[in-house]
Amino acid sequence: MLITFAFEMASCITAATHRDFLTQNLFLKQMLERYQKPEADNNNDKWM
């Protein structure tokens, strides 16, 4: 239970702190750079 407690604590902290990462400017920059991007740098870039 102590081990499980530690895992859940990590899950909660990760979810709570990364919520602030989802800013308006983040998605704006991403949209401008990737929406209907004509040429991809590599397969992973094309997939994204």
ModelCIF file with pLDDT and N, C-alpha, C, O atoms, coordinates in Angstrom:
data_MODEL
#
_entry.id   MODEL 
#
_entity.id                         1 
_entity.type                       polymer 
_entity.pdbx_number_of_molecules   1 
#
_entity_poly.entity_id                      1 
_entity_poly.type                           'polypeptide(L)' 
_entity_poly.nstd_linkage                   no 
_entity_poly.nstd_monomer                   no 
_entity_poly.pdbx_seq_one_letter_code       MLITFAFEMASCITAATHRDFLTQNLFLKQMLERYQKPEADNNNDKWM 
_entity_poly.pdbx_seq_one_letter_code_can   MLITFAFEMASCITAATHRDFLTQNLFLKQMLERYQKPEADNNNDKWM 
_entity_poly.pdbx_strand_id                 A 
#
loop_
_entity_poly_seq.entity_id 
_entity_poly_seq.num 
_entity_poly_seq.mon_id 
_entity_poly_seq.hetero 
1 1  MET n 
1 2  LEU n 
1 3  ILE n 
1 4  THR n 
1 5  PHE n 
1 6  ALA n 
1 7  PHE n 
1 8  GLU n 
1 9  MET n 
1 10 ALA n 
1 11 SER n 
1 12 CYS n 
1 13 ILE n 
1 14 THR n 
1 15 ALA n 
1 16 ALA n 
1 17 THR n 
1 18 HIS n 
1 19 ARG n 
1 20 ASP n 
1 21 PHE n 
1 22 LEU n 
1 23 THR n 
1 24 GLN n 
1 25 ASN n 
1 26 LEU n 
1 27 PHE n 
1 28 LEU n 
1 29 LYS n 
1 30 GLN n 
1 31 MET n 
1 32 LEU n 
1 33 GLU n 
1 34 ARG n 
1 35 TYR n 
1 36 GLN n 
1 37 LYS n 
1 38 PRO n 
1 39 GLU n 
1 40 ALA n 
1 41 ASP n 
1 42 ASN n 
1 43 ASN n 
1 44 ASN n 
1 45 ASP n 
1 46 LYS n 
1 47 TRP n 
1 48 MET n 
#
_struct_asym.id          A 
_struct_asym.entity_id   1 
#
loop_
_ma_qa_metric.id 
_ma_qa_metric.mode 
_ma_qa_metric.name 
_ma_qa_metric.software_group_id 
_ma_qa_metric.type 
1 global pLDDT . pLDDT 
2 local  pLDDT . pLDDT 
#
_ma_qa_metric_global.metric_id      1 
_ma_qa_metric_global.metric_value   86.33 
_ma_qa_metric_global.model_id       1 
_ma_qa_metric_global.ordinal_id     1 
#
loop_
_ma_qa_metric_local.label_asym_id 
_ma_qa_metric_local.label_comp_id 
_ma_qa_metric_local.label_seq_id 
_ma_qa_metric_local.metric_id 
_ma_qa_metric_local.metric_value 
_ma_qa_metric_local.model_id 
_ma_qa_metric_local.ordinal_id 
A MET 1  2 95.00 1 1  
A LEU 2  2 95.00 1 2  
A ILE 3  2 95.00 1 3  
A THR 4  2 95.00 1 4  
A PHE 5  2 94.00 1 5  
A ALA 6  2 94.00 1 6  
A PHE 7  2 93.00 1 7  
A GLU 8  2 93.00 1 8  
A MET 9  2 93.00 1 9  
A ALA 10 2 91.00 1 10 
A SER 11 2 90.00 1 11 
A CYS 12 2 90.00 1 12 
A ILE 13 2 89.00 1 13 
A THR 14 2 86.00 1 14 
A ALA 15 2 85.00 1 15 
A ALA 16 2 83.00 1 16 
A THR 17 2 83.00 1 17 
A HIS 18 2 78.00 1 18 
A ARG 19 2 71.00 1 19 
A ASP 20 2 73.00 1 20 
A PHE 21 2 77.00 1 21 
A LEU 22 2 79.00 1 22 
A THR 23 2 84.00 1 23 
A GLN 24 2 87.00 1 24 
A ASN 25 2 88.00 1 25 
A LEU 26 2 87.00 1 26 
A PHE 27 2 89.00 1 27 
A LEU 28 2 89.00 1 28 
A LYS 29 2 89.00 1 29 
A GLN 30 2 89.00 1 30 
A MET 31 2 91.00 1 31 
A LEU 32 2 89.00 1 32 
A GLU 33 2 89.00 1 33 
A ARG 34 2 89.00 1 34 
A TYR 35 2 89.00 1 35 
A GLN 36 2 87.00 1 36 
A LYS 37 2 86.00 1 37 
A PRO 38 2 82.00 1 38 
A GLU 39 2 80.00 1 39 
A ALA 40 2 75.00 1 40 
A ASP 41 2 76.00 1 41 
A ASN 42 2 82.00 1 42 
A ASN 43 2 84.00 1 43 
A ASN 44 2 82.00 1 44 
A ASP 45 2 81.00 1 45 
A LYS 46 2 84.00 1 46 
A TRP 47 2 87.00 1 47 
A MET 48 2 87.00 1 48 
#
loop_
_atom_site.group_PDB 
_atom_site.id 
_atom_site.type_symbol 
_atom_site.label_atom_id 
_atom_site.label_alt_id 
_atom_site.label_comp_id 
_atom_site.label_asym_id 
_atom_site.label_entity_id 
_atom_site.label_seq_id 
_atom_site.pdbx_PDB_ins_code 
_atom_site.Cartn_x 
_atom_site.Cartn_y 
_atom_site.Cartn_z 
_atom_site.occupancy 
_atom_site.B_iso_or_equiv 
_atom_site.pdbx_formal_charge 
_atom_site.auth_seq_id 
_atom_site.auth_comp_id 
_atom_site.auth_asym_id 
_atom_site.auth_atom_id 
_atom_site.pdbx_PDB_model_num 
ATOM 1   N N  . MET A 1 1  ? 0.828  -1.201 0.000   1.00 95.00 ? 1  MET A N  1 
ATOM 2   C CA . MET A 1 1  ? 0.000  0.000  0.000   1.00 95.00 ? 1  MET A CA 1 
ATOM 3   C C  . MET A 1 1  ? 0.869  1.261  0.000   1.00 95.00 ? 1  MET A C  1 
ATOM 4   O O  . MET A 1 1  ? 0.514  2.259  -0.628  1.00 95.00 ? 1  MET A O  1 
ATOM 5   N N  . LEU A 1 2  ? 1.991  1.221  0.691   1.00 95.00 ? 2  LEU A N  1 
ATOM 6   C CA . LEU A 1 2  ? 2.908  2.366  0.686   1.00 95.00 ? 2  LEU A CA 1 
ATOM 7   C C  . LEU A 1 2  ? 3.483  2.600  -0.711  1.00 95.00 ? 2  LEU A C  1 
ATOM 8   O O  . LEU A 1 2  ? 3.633  3.743  -1.142  1.00 95.00 ? 2  LEU A O  1 
ATOM 9   N N  . ILE A 1 3  ? 3.804  1.506  -1.418  1.00 95.00 ? 3  ILE A N  1 
ATOM 10  C CA . ILE A 1 3  ? 4.311  1.628  -2.786  1.00 95.00 ? 3  ILE A CA 1 
ATOM 11  C C  . ILE A 1 3  ? 3.229  2.215  -3.698  1.00 95.00 ? 3  ILE A C  1 
ATOM 12  O O  . ILE A 1 3  ? 3.497  3.116  -4.493  1.00 95.00 ? 3  ILE A O  1 
ATOM 13  N N  . THR A 1 4  ? 2.006  1.692  -3.573  1.00 95.00 ? 4  THR A N  1 
ATOM 14  C CA . THR A 1 4  ? 0.884  2.194  -4.368  1.00 95.00 ? 4  THR A CA 1 
ATOM 15  C C  . THR A 1 4  ? 0.609  3.661  -4.044  1.00 95.00 ? 4  THR A C  1 
ATOM 16  O O  . THR A 1 4  ? 0.309  4.458  -4.932  1.00 95.00 ? 4  THR A O  1 
ATOM 17  N N  . PHE A 1 5  ? 0.715  4.004  -2.762  1.00 94.00 ? 5  PHE A N  1 
ATOM 18  C CA . PHE A 1 5  ? 0.521  5.387  -2.317  1.00 94.00 ? 5  PHE A CA 1 
ATOM 19  C C  . PHE A 1 5  ? 1.495  6.318  -3.041  1.00 94.00 ? 5  PHE A C  1 
ATOM 20  O O  . PHE A 1 5  ? 1.118  7.406  -3.478  1.00 94.00 ? 5  PHE A O  1 
ATOM 21  N N  . ALA A 1 6  ? 2.757  5.877  -3.162  1.00 94.00 ? 6  ALA A N  1 
ATOM 22  C CA . ALA A 1 6  ? 3.775  6.701  -3.820  1.00 94.00 ? 6  ALA A CA 1 
ATOM 23  C C  . ALA A 1 6  ? 3.454  6.886  -5.304  1.00 94.00 ? 6  ALA A C  1 
ATOM 24  O O  . ALA A 1 6  ? 3.607  7.981  -5.845  1.00 94.00 ? 6  ALA A O  1 
ATOM 25  N N  . PHE A 1 7  ? 3.010  5.812  -5.958  1.00 93.00 ? 7  PHE A N  1 
ATOM 26  C CA . PHE A 1 7  ? 2.641  5.910  -7.377  1.00 93.00 ? 7  PHE A CA 1 
ATOM 27  C C  . PHE A 1 7  ? 1.479  6.875  -7.578  1.00 93.00 ? 7  PHE A C  1 
ATOM 28  O O  . PHE A 1 7  ? 1.501  7.696  -8.495  1.00 93.00 ? 7  PHE A O  1 
ATOM 29  N N  . GLU A 1 8  ? 0.473  6.776  -6.728  1.00 93.00 ? 8  GLU A N  1 
ATOM 30  C CA . GLU A 1 8  ? -0.686 7.659  -6.884  1.00 93.00 ? 8  GLU A CA 1 
ATOM 31  C C  . GLU A 1 8  ? -0.327 9.105  -6.582  1.00 93.00 ? 8  GLU A C  1 
ATOM 32  O O  . GLU A 1 8  ? -0.867 10.021 -7.201  1.00 93.00 ? 8  GLU A O  1 
ATOM 33  N N  . MET A 1 9  ? 0.568  9.315  -5.647  1.00 93.00 ? 9  MET A N  1 
ATOM 34  C CA . MET A 1 9  ? 1.038  10.674 -5.370  1.00 93.00 ? 9  MET A CA 1 
ATOM 35  C C  . MET A 1 9  ? 1.716  11.268 -6.601  1.00 93.00 ? 9  MET A C  1 
ATOM 36  O O  . MET A 1 9  ? 1.505  12.434 -6.935  1.00 93.00 ? 9  MET A O  1 
ATOM 37  N N  . ALA A 1 10 ? 2.535  10.450 -7.276  1.00 91.00 ? 10 ALA A N  1 
ATOM 38  C CA . ALA A 1 10 ? 3.196  10.911 -8.498  1.00 91.00 ? 10 ALA A CA 1 
ATOM 39  C C  . ALA A 1 10 ? 2.172  11.232 -9.583  1.00 91.00 ? 10 ALA A C  1 
ATOM 40  O O  . ALA A 1 10 ? 2.312  12.226 -10.296 1.00 91.00 ? 10 ALA A O  1 
ATOM 41  N N  . SER A 1 11 ? 1.145  10.396 -9.708  1.00 90.00 ? 11 SER A N  1 
ATOM 42  C CA . SER A 1 11 ? 0.094  10.613 -10.704 1.00 90.00 ? 11 SER A CA 1 
ATOM 43  C C  . SER A 1 11 ? -0.644 11.928 -10.441 1.00 90.00 ? 11 SER A C  1 
ATOM 44  O O  . SER A 1 11 ? -0.885 12.709 -11.362 1.00 90.00 ? 11 SER A O  1 
ATOM 45  N N  . CYS A 1 12 ? -0.992 12.158 -9.197  1.00 90.00 ? 12 CYS A N  1 
ATOM 46  C CA . CYS A 1 12 ? -1.736 13.377 -8.838  1.00 90.00 ? 12 CYS A CA 1 
ATOM 47  C C  . CYS A 1 12 ? -0.912 14.631 -9.086  1.00 90.00 ? 12 CYS A C  1 
ATOM 48  O O  . CYS A 1 12 ? -1.414 15.610 -9.638  1.00 90.00 ? 12 CYS A O  1 
ATOM 49  N N  . ILE A 1 13 ? 0.345  14.602 -8.682  1.00 89.00 ? 13 ILE A N  1 
ATOM 50  C CA . ILE A 1 13 ? 1.208  15.772 -8.858  1.00 89.00 ? 13 ILE A CA 1 
ATOM 51  C C  . ILE A 1 13 ? 1.419  16.064 -10.341 1.00 89.00 ? 13 ILE A C  1 
ATOM 52  O O  . ILE A 1 13 ? 1.394  17.220 -10.763 1.00 89.00 ? 13 ILE A O  1 
ATOM 53  N N  . THR A 1 14 ? 1.626  15.010 -11.127 1.00 86.00 ? 14 THR A N  1 
ATOM 54  C CA . THR A 1 14 ? 1.821  15.184 -12.572 1.00 86.00 ? 14 THR A CA 1 
ATOM 55  C C  . THR A 1 14 ? 0.594  15.811 -13.224 1.00 86.00 ? 14 THR A C  1 
ATOM 56  O O  . THR A 1 14 ? 0.712  16.757 -14.002 1.00 86.00 ? 14 THR A O  1 
ATOM 57  N N  . ALA A 1 15 ? -0.590 15.276 -12.903 1.00 85.00 ? 15 ALA A N  1 
ATOM 58  C CA . ALA A 1 15 ? -1.822 15.796 -13.497 1.00 85.00 ? 15 ALA A CA 1 
ATOM 59  C C  . ALA A 1 15 ? -2.077 17.245 -13.082 1.00 85.00 ? 15 ALA A C  1 
ATOM 60  O O  . ALA A 1 15 ? -2.506 18.061 -13.898 1.00 85.00 ? 15 ALA A O  1 
ATOM 61  N N  . ALA A 1 16 ? -1.812 17.564 -11.809 1.00 83.00 ? 16 ALA A N  1 
ATOM 62  C CA . ALA A 1 16 ? -2.086 18.911 -11.304 1.00 83.00 ? 16 ALA A CA 1 
ATOM 63  C C  . ALA A 1 16 ? -1.119 19.949 -11.879 1.00 83.00 ? 16 ALA A C  1 
ATOM 64  O O  . ALA A 1 16 ? -1.530 21.054 -12.233 1.00 83.00 ? 16 ALA A O  1 
ATOM 65  N N  . THR A 1 17 ? 0.163  19.593 -11.970 1.00 83.00 ? 17 THR A N  1 
ATOM 66  C CA . THR A 1 17 ? 1.160  20.571 -12.416 1.00 83.00 ? 17 THR A CA 1 
ATOM 67  C C  . THR A 1 17 ? 1.139  20.775 -13.929 1.00 83.00 ? 17 THR A C  1 
ATOM 68  O O  . THR A 1 17 ? 1.356  21.891 -14.402 1.00 83.00 ? 17 THR A O  1 
ATOM 69  N N  . HIS A 1 18 ? 0.880  19.714 -14.694 1.00 78.00 ? 18 HIS A N  1 
ATOM 70  C CA . HIS A 1 18 ? 0.913  19.846 -16.147 1.00 78.00 ? 18 HIS A CA 1 
ATOM 71  C C  . HIS A 1 18 ? -0.354 20.486 -16.706 1.00 78.00 ? 18 HIS A C  1 
ATOM 72  O O  . HIS A 1 18 ? -0.422 20.802 -17.893 1.00 78.00 ? 18 HIS A O  1 
ATOM 73  N N  . ARG A 1 19 ? -1.339 20.673 -15.863 1.00 71.00 ? 19 ARG A N  1 
ATOM 74  C CA . ARG A 1 19 ? -2.535 21.393 -16.304 1.00 71.00 ? 19 ARG A CA 1 
ATOM 75  C C  . ARG A 1 19 ? -2.165 22.815 -16.730 1.00 71.00 ? 19 ARG A C  1 
ATOM 76  O O  . ARG A 1 19 ? -2.737 23.349 -17.680 1.00 71.00 ? 19 ARG A O  1 
ATOM 77  N N  . ASP A 1 20 ? -1.208 23.425 -16.026 1.00 73.00 ? 20 ASP A N  1 
ATOM 78  C CA . ASP A 1 20 ? -0.790 24.791 -16.334 1.00 73.00 ? 20 ASP A CA 1 
ATOM 79  C C  . ASP A 1 20 ? 0.009  24.874 -17.633 1.00 73.00 ? 20 ASP A C  1 
ATOM 80  O O  . ASP A 1 20 ? 0.245  25.962 -18.159 1.00 73.00 ? 20 ASP A O  1 
ATOM 81  N N  . PHE A 1 21 ? 0.418  23.727 -18.138 1.00 77.00 ? 21 PHE A N  1 
ATOM 82  C CA . PHE A 1 21 ? 1.188  23.690 -19.378 1.00 77.00 ? 21 PHE A CA 1 
ATOM 83  C C  . PHE A 1 21 ? 0.308  23.960 -20.602 1.00 77.00 ? 21 PHE A C  1 
ATOM 84  O O  . PHE A 1 21 ? 0.800  24.371 -21.653 1.00 77.00 ? 21 PHE A O  1 
ATOM 85  N N  . LEU A 1 22 ? -1.004 23.722 -20.453 1.00 79.00 ? 22 LEU A N  1 
ATOM 86  C CA . LEU A 1 22 ? -1.930 23.806 -21.584 1.00 79.00 ? 22 LEU A CA 1 
ATOM 87  C C  . LEU A 1 22 ? -2.399 25.248 -21.803 1.00 79.00 ? 22 LEU A C  1 
ATOM 88  O O  . LEU A 1 22 ? -3.557 25.581 -21.554 1.00 79.00 ? 22 LEU A O  1 
ATOM 89  N N  . THR A 1 23 ? -1.486 26.090 -22.270 1.00 84.00 ? 23 THR A N  1 
ATOM 90  C CA . THR A 1 23 ? -1.794 27.510 -22.439 1.00 84.00 ? 23 THR A CA 1 
ATOM 91  C C  . THR A 1 23 ? -2.321 27.794 -23.840 1.00 84.00 ? 23 THR A C  1 
ATOM 92  O O  . THR A 1 23 ? -2.178 26.982 -24.753 1.00 84.00 ? 23 THR A O  1 
ATOM 93  N N  . GLN A 1 24 ? -2.925 28.951 -23.984 1.00 87.00 ? 24 GLN A N  1 
ATOM 94  C CA . GLN A 1 24 ? -3.463 29.375 -25.272 1.00 87.00 ? 24 GLN A CA 1 
ATOM 95  C C  . GLN A 1 24 ? -2.354 29.530 -26.308 1.00 87.00 ? 24 GLN A C  1 
ATOM 96  O O  . GLN A 1 24 ? -2.508 29.120 -27.458 1.00 87.00 ? 24 GLN A O  1 
ATOM 97  N N  . ASN A 1 25 ? -1.240 30.122 -25.897 1.00 88.00 ? 25 ASN A N  1 
ATOM 98  C CA . ASN A 1 25 ? -0.130 30.348 -26.827 1.00 88.00 ? 25 ASN A CA 1 
ATOM 99  C C  . ASN A 1 25 ? 0.499  29.041 -27.296 1.00 88.00 ? 25 ASN A C  1 
ATOM 100 O O  . ASN A 1 25 ? 0.988  28.954 -28.423 1.00 88.00 ? 25 ASN A O  1 
ATOM 101 N N  . LEU A 1 26 ? 0.486  28.032 -26.440 1.00 87.00 ? 26 LEU A N  1 
ATOM 102 C CA . LEU A 1 26 ? 1.034  26.730 -26.825 1.00 87.00 ? 26 LEU A CA 1 
ATOM 103 C C  . LEU A 1 26 ? 0.279  26.156 -28.021 1.00 87.00 ? 26 LEU A C  1 
ATOM 104 O O  . LEU A 1 26 ? 0.890  25.734 -29.003 1.00 87.00 ? 26 LEU A O  1 
ATOM 105 N N  . PHE A 1 27 ? -1.051 26.141 -27.934 1.00 89.00 ? 27 PHE A N  1 
ATOM 106 C CA . PHE A 1 27 ? -1.853 25.570 -29.008 1.00 89.00 ? 27 PHE A CA 1 
ATOM 107 C C  . PHE A 1 27 ? -1.870 26.483 -30.237 1.00 89.00 ? 27 PHE A C  1 
ATOM 108 O O  . PHE A 1 27 ? -1.999 26.007 -31.365 1.00 89.00 ? 27 PHE A O  1 
ATOM 109 N N  . LEU A 1 28 ? -1.742 27.786 -30.019 1.00 89.00 ? 28 LEU A N  1 
ATOM 110 C CA . LEU A 1 28 ? -1.675 28.718 -31.148 1.00 89.00 ? 28 LEU A CA 1 
ATOM 111 C C  . LEU A 1 28 ? -0.406 28.457 -31.967 1.00 89.00 ? 28 LEU A C  1 
ATOM 112 O O  . LEU A 1 28 ? -0.466 28.345 -33.192 1.00 89.00 ? 28 LEU A O  1 
ATOM 113 N N  . LYS A 1 29 ? 0.717  28.364 -31.300 1.00 89.00 ? 29 LYS A N  1 
ATOM 114 C CA . LYS A 1 29 ? 1.998  28.115 -31.969 1.00 89.00 ? 29 LYS A CA 1 
ATOM 115 C C  . LYS A 1 29 ? 1.952  26.782 -32.713 1.00 89.00 ? 29 LYS A C  1 
ATOM 116 O O  . LYS A 1 29 ? 2.400  26.678 -33.855 1.00 89.00 ? 29 LYS A O  1 
ATOM 117 N N  . GLN A 1 30 ? 1.412  25.781 -32.059 1.00 89.00 ? 30 GLN A N  1 
ATOM 118 C CA . GLN A 1 30 ? 1.322  24.454 -32.670 1.00 89.00 ? 30 GLN A CA 1 
ATOM 119 C C  . GLN A 1 30 ? 0.434  24.469 -33.915 1.00 89.00 ? 30 GLN A C  1 
ATOM 120 O O  . GLN A 1 30 ? 0.783  23.883 -34.940 1.00 89.00 ? 30 GLN A O  1 
ATOM 121 N N  . MET A 1 31 ? -0.713 25.143 -33.819 1.00 91.00 ? 31 MET A N  1 
ATOM 122 C CA . MET A 1 31 ? -1.640 25.211 -34.948 1.00 91.00 ? 31 MET A CA 1 
ATOM 123 C C  . MET A 1 31 ? -0.998 25.917 -36.135 1.00 91.00 ? 31 MET A C  1 
ATOM 124 O O  . MET A 1 31 ? -1.099 25.449 -37.270 1.00 91.00 ? 31 MET A O  1 
ATOM 125 N N  . LEU A 1 32 ? -0.345 27.029 -35.877 1.00 89.00 ? 32 LEU A N  1 
ATOM 126 C CA . LEU A 1 32 ? 0.268  27.806 -36.953 1.00 89.00 ? 32 LEU A CA 1 
ATOM 127 C C  . LEU A 1 32 ? 1.394  27.027 -37.630 1.00 89.00 ? 32 LEU A C  1 
ATOM 128 O O  . LEU A 1 32 ? 1.598  27.153 -38.837 1.00 89.00 ? 32 LEU A O  1 
ATOM 129 N N  . GLU A 1 33 ? 2.113  26.236 -36.868 1.00 89.00 ? 33 GLU A N  1 
ATOM 130 C CA . GLU A 1 33 ? 3.256  25.515 -37.418 1.00 89.00 ? 33 GLU A CA 1 
ATOM 131 C C  . GLU A 1 33 ? 2.862  24.224 -38.131 1.00 89.00 ? 33 GLU A C  1 
ATOM 132 O O  . GLU A 1 33 ? 3.524  23.815 -39.085 1.00 89.00 ? 33 GLU A O  1 
ATOM 133 N N  . ARG A 1 34 ? 1.776  23.573 -37.669 1.00 89.00 ? 34 ARG A N  1 
ATOM 134 C CA . ARG A 1 34 ? 1.491  22.221 -38.158 1.00 89.00 ? 34 ARG A CA 1 
ATOM 135 C C  . ARG A 1 34 ? 0.210  22.086 -38.984 1.00 89.00 ? 34 ARG A C  1 
ATOM 136 O O  . ARG A 1 34 ? 0.071  21.112 -39.723 1.00 89.00 ? 34 ARG A O  1 
ATOM 137 N N  . TYR A 1 35 ? -0.718 23.018 -38.885 1.00 89.00 ? 35 TYR A N  1 
ATOM 138 C CA . TYR A 1 35 ? -1.972 22.856 -39.626 1.00 89.00 ? 35 TYR A CA 1 
ATOM 139 C C  . TYR A 1 35 ? -1.721 22.961 -41.130 1.00 89.00 ? 35 TYR A C  1 
ATOM 140 O O  . TYR A 1 35 ? -1.242 23.985 -41.617 1.00 89.00 ? 35 TYR A O  1 
ATOM 141 N N  . GLN A 1 36 ? -2.049 21.899 -41.856 1.00 87.00 ? 36 GLN A N  1 
ATOM 142 C CA . GLN A 1 36 ? -1.844 21.782 -43.302 1.00 87.00 ? 36 GLN A CA 1 
ATOM 143 C C  . GLN A 1 36 ? -0.402 22.121 -43.696 1.00 87.00 ? 36 GLN A C  1 
ATOM 144 O O  . GLN A 1 36 ? -0.159 22.810 -44.687 1.00 87.00 ? 36 GLN A O  1 
ATOM 145 N N  . LYS A 1 37 ? 0.534  21.626 -42.905 1.00 86.00 ? 37 LYS A N  1 
ATOM 146 C CA . LYS A 1 37 ? 1.952  21.839 -43.197 1.00 86.00 ? 37 LYS A CA 1 
ATOM 147 C C  . LYS A 1 37 ? 2.298  21.113 -44.500 1.00 86.00 ? 37 LYS A C  1 
ATOM 148 O O  . LYS A 1 37 ? 2.113  19.900 -44.588 1.00 86.00 ? 37 LYS A O  1 
ATOM 149 N N  . PRO A 1 38 ? 2.795  21.831 -45.512 1.00 82.00 ? 38 PRO A N  1 
ATOM 150 C CA . PRO A 1 38 ? 3.005  21.208 -46.826 1.00 82.00 ? 38 PRO A CA 1 
ATOM 151 C C  . PRO A 1 38 ? 4.146  20.206 -46.888 1.00 82.00 ? 38 PRO A C  1 
ATOM 152 O O  . PRO A 1 38 ? 4.048  19.203 -47.595 1.00 82.00 ? 38 PRO A O  1 
ATOM 153 N N  . GLU A 1 39 ? 5.234  20.461 -46.154 1.00 80.00 ? 39 GLU A N  1 
ATOM 154 C CA . GLU A 1 39 ? 6.387  19.585 -46.202 1.00 80.00 ? 39 GLU A CA 1 
ATOM 155 C C  . GLU A 1 39 ? 6.827  19.239 -44.783 1.00 80.00 ? 39 GLU A C  1 
ATOM 156 O O  . GLU A 1 39 ? 7.069  20.118 -43.956 1.00 80.00 ? 39 GLU A O  1 
ATOM 157 N N  . ALA A 1 40 ? 6.924  17.932 -44.520 1.00 75.00 ? 40 ALA A N  1 
ATOM 158 C CA . ALA A 1 40 ? 7.331  17.470 -43.193 1.00 75.00 ? 40 ALA A CA 1 
ATOM 159 C C  . ALA A 1 40 ? 8.830  17.208 -43.163 1.00 75.00 ? 40 ALA A C  1 
ATOM 160 O O  . ALA A 1 40 ? 9.423  16.847 -44.179 1.00 75.00 ? 40 ALA A O  1 
ATOM 161 N N  . ASP A 1 41 ? 9.437  17.391 -42.001 1.00 76.00 ? 41 ASP A N  1 
ATOM 162 C CA . ASP A 1 41 ? 10.873 17.160 -41.850 1.00 76.00 ? 41 ASP A CA 1 
ATOM 163 C C  . ASP A 1 41 ? 11.209 15.675 -41.875 1.00 76.00 ? 41 ASP A C  1 
ATOM 164 O O  . ASP A 1 41 ? 12.254 15.276 -42.390 1.00 76.00 ? 41 ASP A O  1 
ATOM 165 N N  . ASN A 1 42 ? 10.318 14.859 -41.314 1.00 82.00 ? 42 ASN A N  1 
ATOM 166 C CA . ASN A 1 42 ? 10.520 13.413 -41.266 1.00 82.00 ? 42 ASN A CA 1 
ATOM 167 C C  . ASN A 1 42 ? 9.158  12.740 -41.097 1.00 82.00 ? 42 ASN A C  1 
ATOM 168 O O  . ASN A 1 42 ? 8.126  13.409 -41.049 1.00 82.00 ? 42 ASN A O  1 
ATOM 169 N N  . ASN A 1 43 ? 9.169  11.411 -41.010 1.00 84.00 ? 43 ASN A N  1 
ATOM 170 C CA . ASN A 1 43 ? 7.901  10.681 -40.895 1.00 84.00 ? 43 ASN A CA 1 
ATOM 171 C C  . ASN A 1 43 ? 7.154  11.017 -39.612 1.00 84.00 ? 43 ASN A C  1 
ATOM 172 O O  . ASN A 1 43 ? 5.926  11.104 -39.604 1.00 84.00 ? 43 ASN A O  1 
ATOM 173 N N  . ASN A 1 44 ? 7.900  11.205 -38.530 1.00 82.00 ? 44 ASN A N  1 
ATOM 174 C CA . ASN A 1 44 ? 7.248  11.532 -37.263 1.00 82.00 ? 44 ASN A CA 1 
ATOM 175 C C  . ASN A 1 44 ? 6.600  12.913 -37.332 1.00 82.00 ? 44 ASN A C  1 
ATOM 176 O O  . ASN A 1 44 ? 5.490  13.117 -36.840 1.00 82.00 ? 44 ASN A O  1 
ATOM 177 N N  . ASP A 1 45 ? 7.305  13.850 -37.947 1.00 81.00 ? 45 ASP A N  1 
ATOM 178 C CA . ASP A 1 45 ? 6.765  15.198 -38.120 1.00 81.00 ? 45 ASP A CA 1 
ATOM 179 C C  . ASP A 1 45 ? 5.517  15.169 -39.015 1.00 81.00 ? 45 ASP A C  1 
ATOM 180 O O  . ASP A 1 45 ? 4.548  15.886 -38.765 1.00 81.00 ? 45 ASP A O  1 
ATOM 181 N N  . LYS A 1 46 ? 5.556  14.338 -40.052 1.00 84.00 ? 46 LYS A N  1 
ATOM 182 C CA . LYS A 1 46 ? 4.405  14.207 -40.941 1.00 84.00 ? 46 LYS A CA 1 
ATOM 183 C C  . LYS A 1 46 ? 3.211  13.627 -40.200 1.00 84.00 ? 46 LYS A C  1 
ATOM 184 O O  . LYS A 1 46 ? 2.080  14.087 -40.360 1.00 84.00 ? 46 LYS A O  1 
ATOM 185 N N  . TRP A 1 47 ? 3.480  12.596 -39.374 1.00 87.00 ? 47 TRP A N  1 
ATOM 186 C CA . TRP A 1 47 ? 2.411  11.953 -38.588 1.00 87.00 ? 47 TRP A CA 1 
ATOM 187 C C  . TRP A 1 47 ? 1.753  12.962 -37.652 1.00 87.00 ? 47 TRP A C  1 
ATOM 188 O O  . TRP A 1 47 ? 0.526  13.029 -37.571 1.00 87.00 ? 47 TRP A O  1 
ATOM 189 N N  . MET A 1 48 ? 2.560  13.737 -36.953 1.00 87.00 ? 48 MET A N  1 
ATOM 190 C CA . MET A 1 48 ? 2.027  14.712 -36.002 1.00 87.00 ? 48 MET A CA 1 
ATOM 191 C C  . MET A 1 48 ? 1.263  15.824 -36.719 1.00 87.00 ? 48 MET A C  1 
ATOM 192 O O  . MET A 1 48 ? 0.745  16.734 -36.071 1.00 87.00 ? 48 MET A O  1 
#
